Amino acid sequence: ELLFLLWGVRLCIVVRKAPSEFNESRFISWAIYNEFLLSLFLNVSMIFLRDPFPTNPDLIYLVLFIHTQLTTTVTLAFLFGSKVGLI
């Protein structure tokens, strides 16, 4: 997962200067950066939650839910919020 996100970050850097009417590449880049940082934080936190002591499965479920919810909400806000702001 992180390798695909790193590839996405690389693509964002390559296309950041591409002309666009709505400047979508910037918002898509923000969405990918958001997913990358949240996934990195989630994977590191899961390592620390699982290794030293057995963790409550509900806590792991809550962390995964928050990750999914934040990623989806922020991505939709970046992609559609910019278009709503232009109207």
C-alpha atoms as a PDB file:
ATOM      1  CA  GLU A   1       0.000   0.000   0.000  1.00  0.00           C
ATOM      2  CA  LEU A   2       2.714   2.450   0.928  1.00  0.00           C
ATOM      3  CA  LEU A   3       4.648   1.696  -2.266  1.00  0.00           C
ATOM      4  CA  PHE A   4       1.614   2.565  -4.387  1.00  0.00           C
ATOM      5  CA  LEU A   5       1.158   5.760  -2.403  1.00  0.00           C
ATOM      6  CA  LEU A   6       4.819   6.664  -2.894  1.00  0.00           C
ATOM      7  CA  TRP A   7       4.327   6.148  -6.623  1.00  0.00           C
ATOM      8  CA  GLY A   8       1.264   8.426  -6.423  1.00  0.00           C
ATOM      9  CA  VAL A   9       3.299  11.079  -4.612  1.00  0.00           C
ATOM     10  CA  ARG A  10       5.924  10.840  -7.359  1.00  0.00           C
ATOM     11  CA  LEU A  11       3.239  11.343 -10.005  1.00  0.00           C
ATOM     12  CA  CYS A  12       1.904  14.334  -8.081  1.00  0.00           C
ATOM     13  CA  ILE A  13       5.327  15.930  -8.143  1.00  0.00           C
ATOM     14  CA  VAL A  14       5.651  15.306 -11.885  1.00  0.00           C
ATOM     15  CA  VAL A  15       2.252  16.801 -12.831  1.00  0.00           C
ATOM     16  CA  ARG A  16       2.093  19.659 -10.341  1.00  0.00           C
ATOM     17  CA  LYS A  17       2.897  22.253 -13.023  1.00  0.00           C
ATOM     18  CA  ALA A  18       0.474  20.874 -15.618  1.00  0.00           C
ATOM     19  CA  PRO A  19      -2.094  23.467 -16.727  1.00  0.00           C
ATOM     20  CA  SER A  20      -5.695  22.765 -15.811  1.00  0.00           C
ATOM     21  CA  GLU A  21      -8.870  24.814 -15.838  1.00  0.00           C
ATOM     22  CA  PHE A  22      -9.884  23.862 -12.300  1.00  0.00           C
ATOM     23  CA  ASN A  23      -6.356  23.127 -11.009  1.00  0.00           C
ATOM     24  CA  GLU A  24      -7.455  19.574 -10.186  1.00  0.00           C
ATOM     25  CA  SER A  25      -3.926  18.200 -10.015  1.00  0.00           C
ATOM     26  CA  ARG A  26      -3.286  20.264  -6.885  1.00  0.00           C
ATOM     27  CA  PHE A  27      -6.355  18.898  -5.093  1.00  0.00           C
ATOM     28  CA  ILE A  28      -5.687  15.333  -6.216  1.00  0.00           C
ATOM     29  CA  SER A  29      -2.135  15.745  -4.940  1.00  0.00           C
ATOM     30  CA  TRP A  30      -3.434  16.935  -1.576  1.00  0.00           C
ATOM     31  CA  ALA A  31      -5.736  13.907  -1.408  1.00  0.00           C
ATOM     32  CA  ILE A  32      -2.847  11.531  -2.143  1.00  0.00           C
ATOM     33  CA  TYR A  33      -0.596  13.281   0.388  1.00  0.00           C
ATOM     34  CA  ASN A  34      -3.389  13.015   2.948  1.00  0.00           C
ATOM     35  CA  GLU A  35      -3.819   9.294   2.309  1.00  0.00           C
ATOM     36  CA  PHE A  36      -0.054   8.741   2.411  1.00  0.00           C
ATOM     37  CA  LEU A  37       0.411  10.512   5.738  1.00  0.00           C
ATOM     38  CA  LEU A  38      -2.609   8.856   7.340  1.00  0.00           C
ATOM     39  CA  SER A  39      -1.552   5.414   6.112  1.00  0.00           C
ATOM     40  CA  LEU A  40       1.984   5.950   7.327  1.00  0.00           C
ATOM     41  CA  PHE A  41       0.711   7.036  10.734  1.00  0.00           C
ATOM     42  CA  LEU A  42      -1.745   4.122  10.854  1.00  0.00           C
ATOM     43  CA  ASN A  43       0.852   1.502   9.938  1.00  0.00           C
ATOM     44  CA  VAL A  44       3.351   2.811  12.475  1.00  0.00           C
ATOM     45  CA  SER A  45       0.707   3.020  15.198  1.00  0.00           C
ATOM     46  CA  MET A  46      -0.485  -0.522  14.450  1.00  0.00           C
ATOM     47  CA  ILE A  47       3.076  -1.792  14.904  1.00  0.00           C
ATOM     48  CA  PHE A  48       3.241  -0.167  18.319  1.00  0.00           C
ATOM     49  CA  LEU A  49      -0.255  -1.319  19.275  1.00  0.00           C
ATOM     50  CA  ARG A  50       0.311  -4.975  18.396  1.00  0.00           C
ATOM     51  CA  ASP A  51       3.895  -5.696  19.447  1.00  0.00           C
ATOM     52  CA  PRO A  52       4.305  -4.859  23.147  1.00  0.00           C
ATOM     53  CA  PHE A  53       0.980  -6.110  24.429  1.00  0.00           C
ATOM     54  CA  PRO A  54      -2.195  -7.710  23.109  1.00  0.00           C
ATOM     55  CA  THR A  55      -4.555  -4.975  22.048  1.00  0.00           C
ATOM     56  CA  ASN A  56      -8.280  -4.842  22.356  1.00  0.00           C
ATOM     57  CA  PRO A  57      -9.755  -5.670  18.918  1.00  0.00           C
ATOM     58  CA  ASP A  58     -12.239  -2.847  19.360  1.00  0.00           C
ATOM     59  CA  LEU A  59      -9.370  -0.352  19.553  1.00  0.00           C
ATOM     60  CA  ILE A  60      -7.867  -1.659  16.323  1.00  0.00           C
ATOM     61  CA  TYR A  61     -11.295  -1.505  14.683  1.00  0.00           C
ATOM     62  CA  LEU A  62     -11.726   2.089  15.882  1.00  0.00           C
ATOM     63  CA  VAL A  63      -8.329   3.132  14.518  1.00  0.00           C
ATOM     64  CA  LEU A  64      -9.100   1.544  11.137  1.00  0.00           C
ATOM     65  CA  PHE A  65     -12.533   3.199  11.074  1.00  0.00           C
ATOM     66  CA  ILE A  66     -11.082   6.633  11.839  1.00  0.00           C
ATOM     67  CA  HIS A  67      -8.465   6.159   9.117  1.00  0.00           C
ATOM     68  CA  THR A  68     -11.075   5.201   6.531  1.00  0.00           C
ATOM     69  CA  GLN A  69     -13.457   7.976   7.548  1.00  0.00           C
ATOM     70  CA  LEU A  70     -10.798  10.704   7.547  1.00  0.00           C
ATOM     71  CA  THR A  71      -9.355   9.611   4.224  1.00  0.00           C
ATOM     72  CA  THR A  72     -12.719   9.484   2.490  1.00  0.00           C
ATOM     73  CA  THR A  73     -14.061  12.716   3.949  1.00  0.00           C
ATOM     74  CA  VAL A  74     -10.943  14.759   3.277  1.00  0.00           C
ATOM     75  CA  THR A  75     -10.553  13.372  -0.254  1.00  0.00           C
ATOM     76  CA  LEU A  76     -14.151  14.227  -1.127  1.00  0.00           C
ATOM     77  CA  ALA A  77     -13.738  17.674   0.420  1.00  0.00           C
ATOM     78  CA  PHE A  78     -10.620  18.336  -1.665  1.00  0.00           C
ATOM     79  CA  LEU A  79     -12.089  17.081  -4.925  1.00  0.00           C
ATOM     80  CA  PHE A  80     -15.613  18.462  -4.715  1.00  0.00           C
ATOM     81  CA  GLY A  81     -15.106  21.382  -2.352  1.00  0.00           C
ATOM     82  CA  SER A  82     -12.960  23.197  -4.883  1.00  0.00           C
ATOM     83  CA  LYS A  83     -15.661  22.855  -7.531  1.00  0.00           C
ATOM     84  CA  VAL A  84     -18.414  23.979  -5.169  1.00  0.00           C
ATOM     85  CA  GLY A  85     -16.296  26.999  -4.273  1.00  0.00           C
ATOM     86  CA  LEU A  86     -16.076  27.976  -7.949  1.00  0.00           C
ATOM     87  CA  ILE A  87     -19.848  27.947  -8.447  1.00  0.00           C
END
